[in-house]
Amino acid sequence: VTVAESGGGSVQAGGSLRLSCTASGWPYSSYCMAWFRQAPGKERAMLASIDSDGVNMYADSVKGRFTISQGNDDKVLYVYLQMNKLTIEDTGTYYCAIGRWGCGAMDYWGKGTQVTVSS
């Protein structure tokens, strides 16, 4: 299984970015895919998740500003994170991950993509 993120970059506060993630080679019909952020000097934290039933969840810090969505084709799972009204506190490395047994434990991780929000 290979997980890869894209779409990071630099943006001014109040702006928007859309992150994309692909998970290829996933052999199961059920999954949870999630976005995490590791801010400088802080632990990695889950921002949003979506499972194979389409149920999504958001951390309070991004609720109302970020939207997670998904898609798939025959071989690849896709998850997106639309980020609006970005603040300086949203700066960090964003990771995508996928897990088989719910969203509490992820099995495969991407290498991360950097998001920098400036004033």
N, C-alpha and C. Protein backbone atom coordinates (compact mmCIF):
# COMPACT_ATOMS: atom_id res chain seq x y z
N VAL A 1 0.85 -1.19 0.00
CA VAL A 1 0.00 0.00 0.00
C VAL A 1 0.89 1.24 0.00
N THR A 2 0.59 2.15 -0.87
CA THR A 2 1.35 3.40 -0.95
C THR A 2 0.41 4.57 -0.78
N VAL A 3 0.78 5.45 0.14
CA VAL A 3 0.00 6.65 0.42
C VAL A 3 0.83 7.86 0.05
N ALA A 4 0.22 8.81 -0.66
CA ALA A 4 0.96 9.99 -1.07
C ALA A 4 0.08 11.23 -1.03
N GLU A 5 0.62 12.30 -0.45
CA GLU A 5 -0.10 13.56 -0.37
C GLU A 5 0.43 14.54 -1.41
N SER A 6 -0.40 15.49 -1.76
CA SER A 6 0.01 16.59 -2.64
C SER A 6 -0.88 17.79 -2.37
N GLY A 7 -0.44 18.95 -2.84
CA GLY A 7 -1.27 20.14 -2.75
C GLY A 7 -0.85 21.15 -1.70
N GLY A 8 0.17 20.85 -0.93
CA GLY A 8 0.63 21.80 0.06
C GLY A 8 1.25 23.01 -0.60
N GLY A 9 1.54 24.01 0.22
CA GLY A 9 2.16 25.22 -0.30
C GLY A 9 2.06 26.35 0.70
N SER A 10 2.30 27.54 0.21
CA SER A 10 2.25 28.74 1.04
C SER A 10 1.03 29.57 0.66
N VAL A 11 0.38 30.11 1.65
CA VAL A 11 -0.83 30.90 1.42
C VAL A 11 -0.93 31.95 2.51
N GLN A 12 -1.59 33.04 2.19
CA GLN A 12 -1.81 34.06 3.20
C GLN A 12 -3.01 33.71 4.07
N ALA A 13 -2.99 34.23 5.26
CA ALA A 13 -4.10 34.01 6.18
C ALA A 13 -5.41 34.43 5.53
N GLY A 14 -6.42 33.60 5.73
CA GLY A 14 -7.72 33.84 5.10
C GLY A 14 -7.89 33.13 3.78
N GLY A 15 -6.81 32.60 3.25
CA GLY A 15 -6.85 31.92 1.97
C GLY A 15 -7.27 30.47 2.09
N SER A 16 -7.18 29.78 0.95
CA SER A 16 -7.63 28.39 0.86
C SER A 16 -6.57 27.53 0.18
N LEU A 17 -6.58 26.26 0.51
CA LEU A 17 -5.77 25.25 -0.15
C LEU A 17 -6.57 23.97 -0.20
N ARG A 18 -6.27 23.14 -1.20
CA ARG A 18 -6.89 21.83 -1.29
C ARG A 18 -5.78 20.79 -1.35
N LEU A 19 -5.80 19.89 -0.38
CA LEU A 19 -4.85 18.80 -0.33
C LEU A 19 -5.48 17.54 -0.94
N SER A 20 -4.64 16.77 -1.58
CA SER A 20 -5.08 15.51 -2.16
C SER A 20 -4.24 14.37 -1.63
N CYS A 21 -4.83 13.21 -1.54
CA CYS A 21 -4.13 12.02 -1.07
C CYS A 21 -4.60 10.83 -1.88
N THR A 22 -3.65 10.01 -2.26
CA THR A 22 -3.98 8.76 -2.92
C THR A 22 -3.46 7.59 -2.10
N ALA A 23 -4.26 6.55 -2.03
CA ALA A 23 -3.86 5.30 -1.40
C ALA A 23 -4.02 4.21 -2.44
N SER A 24 -2.90 3.69 -2.91
CA SER A 24 -2.96 2.67 -3.95
C SER A 24 -2.60 1.31 -3.37
N GLY A 25 -3.24 0.30 -3.90
CA GLY A 25 -2.97 -1.06 -3.47
C GLY A 25 -3.71 -1.50 -2.22
N TRP A 26 -4.71 -0.74 -1.81
CA TRP A 26 -5.49 -1.13 -0.62
C TRP A 26 -6.36 -2.31 -0.98
N PRO A 27 -6.23 -3.42 -0.24
CA PRO A 27 -6.92 -4.65 -0.67
C PRO A 27 -8.28 -4.89 -0.02
N TYR A 28 -8.72 -4.01 0.85
CA TYR A 28 -9.95 -4.23 1.61
C TYR A 28 -11.06 -3.28 1.17
N SER A 29 -12.28 -3.70 1.39
CA SER A 29 -13.40 -2.84 1.04
C SER A 29 -13.69 -1.81 2.11
N SER A 30 -13.28 -2.08 3.33
CA SER A 30 -13.51 -1.12 4.41
C SER A 30 -12.22 -0.40 4.77
N TYR A 31 -12.36 0.82 5.23
CA TYR A 31 -11.18 1.62 5.57
C TYR A 31 -11.62 2.87 6.30
N CYS A 32 -10.63 3.50 6.89
CA CYS A 32 -10.75 4.87 7.34
C CYS A 32 -9.56 5.62 6.76
N MET A 33 -9.82 6.76 6.18
CA MET A 33 -8.74 7.63 5.72
C MET A 33 -8.84 8.93 6.47
N ALA A 34 -7.70 9.48 6.83
CA ALA A 34 -7.72 10.66 7.67
C ALA A 34 -6.56 11.58 7.33
N TRP A 35 -6.75 12.84 7.70
CA TRP A 35 -5.72 13.86 7.60
C TRP A 35 -5.26 14.23 9.00
N PHE A 36 -3.95 14.34 9.14
CA PHE A 36 -3.33 14.75 10.39
C PHE A 36 -2.46 15.97 10.13
N ARG A 37 -2.20 16.70 11.18
CA ARG A 37 -1.29 17.84 11.08
C ARG A 37 -0.30 17.80 12.22
N GLN A 38 0.94 18.07 11.89
CA GLN A 38 1.95 18.25 12.93
C GLN A 38 2.49 19.65 12.80
N ALA A 39 2.11 20.48 13.76
CA ALA A 39 2.58 21.85 13.80
C ALA A 39 3.95 21.89 14.44
N PRO A 40 4.74 22.91 14.16
CA PRO A 40 6.07 23.02 14.76
C PRO A 40 6.03 22.94 16.28
N GLY A 41 6.79 22.02 16.84
CA GLY A 41 6.85 21.88 18.28
C GLY A 41 5.68 21.18 18.92
N LYS A 42 4.78 20.64 18.11
CA LYS A 42 3.59 19.99 18.65
C LYS A 42 3.49 18.55 18.14
N GLU A 43 2.67 17.78 18.82
CA GLU A 43 2.44 16.41 18.40
C GLU A 43 1.48 16.38 17.20
N ARG A 44 1.57 15.31 16.46
CA ARG A 44 0.68 15.13 15.32
C ARG A 44 -0.74 14.90 15.82
N ALA A 45 -1.70 15.54 15.19
CA ALA A 45 -3.09 15.46 15.63
C ALA A 45 -4.00 15.23 14.42
N MET A 46 -5.05 14.44 14.64
CA MET A 46 -6.01 14.19 13.57
C MET A 46 -6.88 15.42 13.36
N LEU A 47 -7.08 15.77 12.10
CA LEU A 47 -7.93 16.91 11.75
C LEU A 47 -9.29 16.46 11.24
N ALA A 48 -9.29 15.45 10.39
CA ALA A 48 -10.53 15.01 9.76
C ALA A 48 -10.37 13.58 9.30
N SER A 49 -11.47 12.86 9.30
CA SER A 49 -11.45 11.47 8.86
C SER A 49 -12.72 11.16 8.09
N ILE A 50 -12.62 10.14 7.26
CA ILE A 50 -13.78 9.67 6.52
C ILE A 50 -13.61 8.17 6.33
N ASP A 51 -14.70 7.43 6.46
CA ASP A 51 -14.57 5.99 6.32
C ASP A 51 -15.28 5.50 5.07
N SER A 52 -15.22 4.20 4.86
CA SER A 52 -15.77 3.61 3.65
C SER A 52 -17.29 3.70 3.58
N ASP A 53 -17.93 4.02 4.68
CA ASP A 53 -19.38 4.26 4.68
C ASP A 53 -19.72 5.73 4.44
N GLY A 54 -18.68 6.55 4.32
CA GLY A 54 -18.90 7.96 4.08
C GLY A 54 -19.08 8.81 5.33
N VAL A 55 -18.87 8.19 6.48
CA VAL A 55 -19.02 8.93 7.74
C VAL A 55 -17.77 9.77 7.97
N ASN A 56 -17.94 11.04 8.21
CA ASN A 56 -16.77 11.89 8.44
C ASN A 56 -16.81 12.52 9.83
N MET A 57 -15.64 12.90 10.29
CA MET A 57 -15.49 13.53 11.59
C MET A 57 -14.43 14.62 11.48
N TYR A 58 -14.56 15.64 12.30
CA TYR A 58 -13.63 16.76 12.28
C TYR A 58 -13.20 17.12 13.69
N ALA A 59 -11.97 17.56 13.80
CA ALA A 59 -11.51 18.14 15.04
C ALA A 59 -12.17 19.51 15.21
N ASP A 60 -12.37 19.91 16.44
CA ASP A 60 -13.03 21.20 16.70
C ASP A 60 -12.28 22.36 16.06
N SER A 61 -10.96 22.23 15.98
CA SER A 61 -10.14 23.33 15.49
C SER A 61 -10.37 23.62 14.00
N VAL A 62 -10.93 22.66 13.26
CA VAL A 62 -11.11 22.85 11.83
C VAL A 62 -12.57 22.76 11.40
N LYS A 63 -13.44 22.45 12.31
CA LYS A 63 -14.86 22.29 12.00
C LYS A 63 -15.40 23.59 11.42
N GLY A 64 -16.10 23.48 10.30
CA GLY A 64 -16.65 24.66 9.65
C GLY A 64 -15.71 25.34 8.68
N ARG A 65 -14.42 24.96 8.71
CA ARG A 65 -13.45 25.55 7.79
C ARG A 65 -12.88 24.52 6.81
N PHE A 66 -12.72 23.30 7.27
CA PHE A 66 -12.14 22.23 6.45
C PHE A 66 -13.24 21.24 6.07
N THR A 67 -13.10 20.69 4.86
CA THR A 67 -14.04 19.68 4.40
C THR A 67 -13.26 18.50 3.82
N ILE A 68 -13.57 17.31 4.32
CA ILE A 68 -12.95 16.11 3.81
C ILE A 68 -13.90 15.42 2.84
N SER A 69 -13.37 14.89 1.76
CA SER A 69 -14.18 14.17 0.79
C SER A 69 -13.35 13.04 0.21
N GLN A 70 -14.01 12.15 -0.50
CA GLN A 70 -13.28 11.00 -1.02
C GLN A 70 -13.77 10.60 -2.39
N GLY A 71 -12.99 9.77 -3.05
CA GLY A 71 -13.35 9.20 -4.33
C GLY A 71 -12.54 7.94 -4.53
N ASN A 72 -12.86 7.21 -5.57
CA ASN A 72 -12.06 6.03 -5.85
C ASN A 72 -12.26 5.59 -7.29
N ASP A 73 -11.28 4.89 -7.78
CA ASP A 73 -11.47 4.16 -9.02
C ASP A 73 -11.13 2.71 -8.73
N ASP A 74 -10.84 1.96 -9.70
CA ASP A 74 -10.71 0.53 -9.50
C ASP A 74 -9.58 0.17 -8.55
N LYS A 75 -8.50 0.93 -8.57
CA LYS A 75 -7.32 0.52 -7.83
C LYS A 75 -6.87 1.51 -6.77
N VAL A 76 -7.41 2.71 -6.81
CA VAL A 76 -6.87 3.78 -5.98
C VAL A 76 -7.98 4.46 -5.19
N LEU A 77 -7.68 4.72 -3.92
CA LEU A 77 -8.58 5.51 -3.09
C LEU A 77 -8.06 6.94 -3.05
N TYR A 78 -8.97 7.90 -3.06
CA TYR A 78 -8.61 9.30 -3.01
C TYR A 78 -9.31 9.96 -1.83
N VAL A 79 -8.58 10.81 -1.15
CA VAL A 79 -9.21 11.64 -0.13
C VAL A 79 -8.67 13.05 -0.28
N TYR A 80 -9.56 14.01 -0.11
CA TYR A 80 -9.22 15.41 -0.30
C TYR A 80 -9.52 16.18 0.98
N LEU A 81 -8.79 17.25 1.17
CA LEU A 81 -9.06 18.14 2.30
C LEU A 81 -9.11 19.56 1.76
N GLN A 82 -10.31 20.11 1.69
CA GLN A 82 -10.48 21.51 1.30
C GLN A 82 -10.35 22.36 2.55
N MET A 83 -9.39 23.26 2.53
CA MET A 83 -9.11 24.08 3.69
C MET A 83 -9.40 25.54 3.36
N ASN A 84 -10.33 26.11 4.08
CA ASN A 84 -10.72 27.51 3.88
C ASN A 84 -10.43 28.31 5.14
N LYS A 85 -10.40 29.62 4.98
CA LYS A 85 -10.19 30.53 6.11
C LYS A 85 -8.97 30.11 6.92
N LEU A 86 -7.88 29.87 6.23
CA LEU A 86 -6.67 29.41 6.90
C LEU A 86 -6.11 30.48 7.82
N THR A 87 -5.56 30.03 8.93
CA THR A 87 -4.92 30.91 9.89
C THR A 87 -3.47 30.48 10.07
N ILE A 88 -2.70 31.34 10.72
CA ILE A 88 -1.29 31.02 10.96
C ILE A 88 -1.16 29.73 11.74
N GLU A 89 -2.13 29.46 12.60
CA GLU A 89 -2.10 28.23 13.41
C GLU A 89 -2.29 26.96 12.58
N ASP A 90 -2.69 27.11 11.33
CA ASP A 90 -2.85 25.94 10.46
C ASP A 90 -1.53 25.52 9.82
N THR A 91 -0.48 26.28 10.06
CA THR A 91 0.83 25.93 9.52
C THR A 91 1.32 24.61 10.09
N GLY A 92 1.87 23.79 9.23
CA GLY A 92 2.41 22.52 9.69
C GLY A 92 2.57 21.54 8.54
N THR A 93 2.99 20.35 8.89
CA THR A 93 3.08 19.27 7.91
C THR A 93 1.81 18.44 7.99
N TYR A 94 1.20 18.24 6.86
CA TYR A 94 -0.07 17.52 6.78
C TYR A 94 0.18 16.12 6.25
N TYR A 95 -0.34 15.15 6.99
CA TYR A 95 -0.17 13.76 6.65
C TYR A 95 -1.51 13.11 6.34
N CYS A 96 -1.49 12.21 5.39
CA CYS A 96 -2.65 11.38 5.09
C CYS A 96 -2.33 9.96 5.54
N ALA A 97 -3.35 9.27 6.01
CA ALA A 97 -3.15 7.90 6.47
C ALA A 97 -4.40 7.08 6.22
N ILE A 98 -4.21 5.77 6.19
CA ILE A 98 -5.33 4.86 5.97
C ILE A 98 -5.24 3.70 6.94
N GLY A 99 -6.38 3.28 7.44
CA GLY A 99 -6.41 2.16 8.37
C GLY A 99 -7.57 1.24 8.06
N ARG A 100 -7.42 0.00 8.45
CA ARG A 100 -8.46 -0.98 8.16
C ARG A 100 -9.51 -1.04 9.25
N TRP A 101 -9.05 -0.98 10.51
CA TRP A 101 -9.96 -1.20 11.63
C TRP A 101 -10.34 0.13 12.29
N GLY A 102 -11.07 0.94 11.57
CA GLY A 102 -11.54 2.20 12.12
C GLY A 102 -10.49 3.28 12.06
N CYS A 103 -10.80 4.42 12.65
CA CYS A 103 -9.94 5.59 12.55
C CYS A 103 -9.02 5.74 13.75
N GLY A 104 -9.06 4.82 14.66
CA GLY A 104 -8.22 4.94 15.85
C GLY A 104 -6.79 4.49 15.66
N ALA A 105 -6.56 3.67 14.66
CA ALA A 105 -5.21 3.17 14.41
C ALA A 105 -5.00 3.09 12.91
N MET A 106 -4.07 3.87 12.42
CA MET A 106 -3.82 3.93 10.99
C MET A 106 -2.67 3.01 10.63
N ASP A 107 -2.80 2.36 9.49
CA ASP A 107 -1.83 1.35 9.11
C ASP A 107 -0.74 1.86 8.18
N TYR A 108 -1.08 2.79 7.32
CA TYR A 108 -0.13 3.30 6.34
C TYR A 108 -0.21 4.82 6.31
N TRP A 109 0.97 5.42 6.17
CA TRP A 109 1.08 6.88 6.20
C TRP A 109 1.81 7.39 4.96
N GLY A 110 1.43 8.60 4.55
CA GLY A 110 2.20 9.28 3.55
C GLY A 110 3.37 10.02 4.18
N LYS A 111 4.18 10.63 3.36
CA LYS A 111 5.37 11.32 3.85
C LYS A 111 5.08 12.75 4.28
N GLY A 112 3.92 13.24 3.96
CA GLY A 112 3.53 14.58 4.40
C GLY A 112 3.72 15.64 3.35
N THR A 113 2.95 16.70 3.48
CA THR A 113 3.08 17.86 2.62
C THR A 113 3.01 19.11 3.49
N GLN A 114 3.85 20.07 3.20
CA GLN A 114 3.97 21.25 4.05
C GLN A 114 2.95 22.31 3.66
N VAL A 115 2.31 22.87 4.67
CA VAL A 115 1.41 24.00 4.50
C VAL A 115 1.92 25.13 5.37
N THR A 116 2.14 26.27 4.77
CA THR A 116 2.61 27.43 5.50
C THR A 116 1.64 28.58 5.28
N VAL A 117 1.11 29.09 6.37
CA VAL A 117 0.17 30.21 6.31
C VAL A 117 0.85 31.43 6.91
N SER A 118 0.89 32.50 6.16
CA SER A 118 1.56 33.71 6.62
C SER A 118 0.54 34.85 6.78
N SER A 119 0.93 35.81 7.58
CA SER A 119 0.03 36.94 7.84
C SER A 119 0.14 37.98 6.76
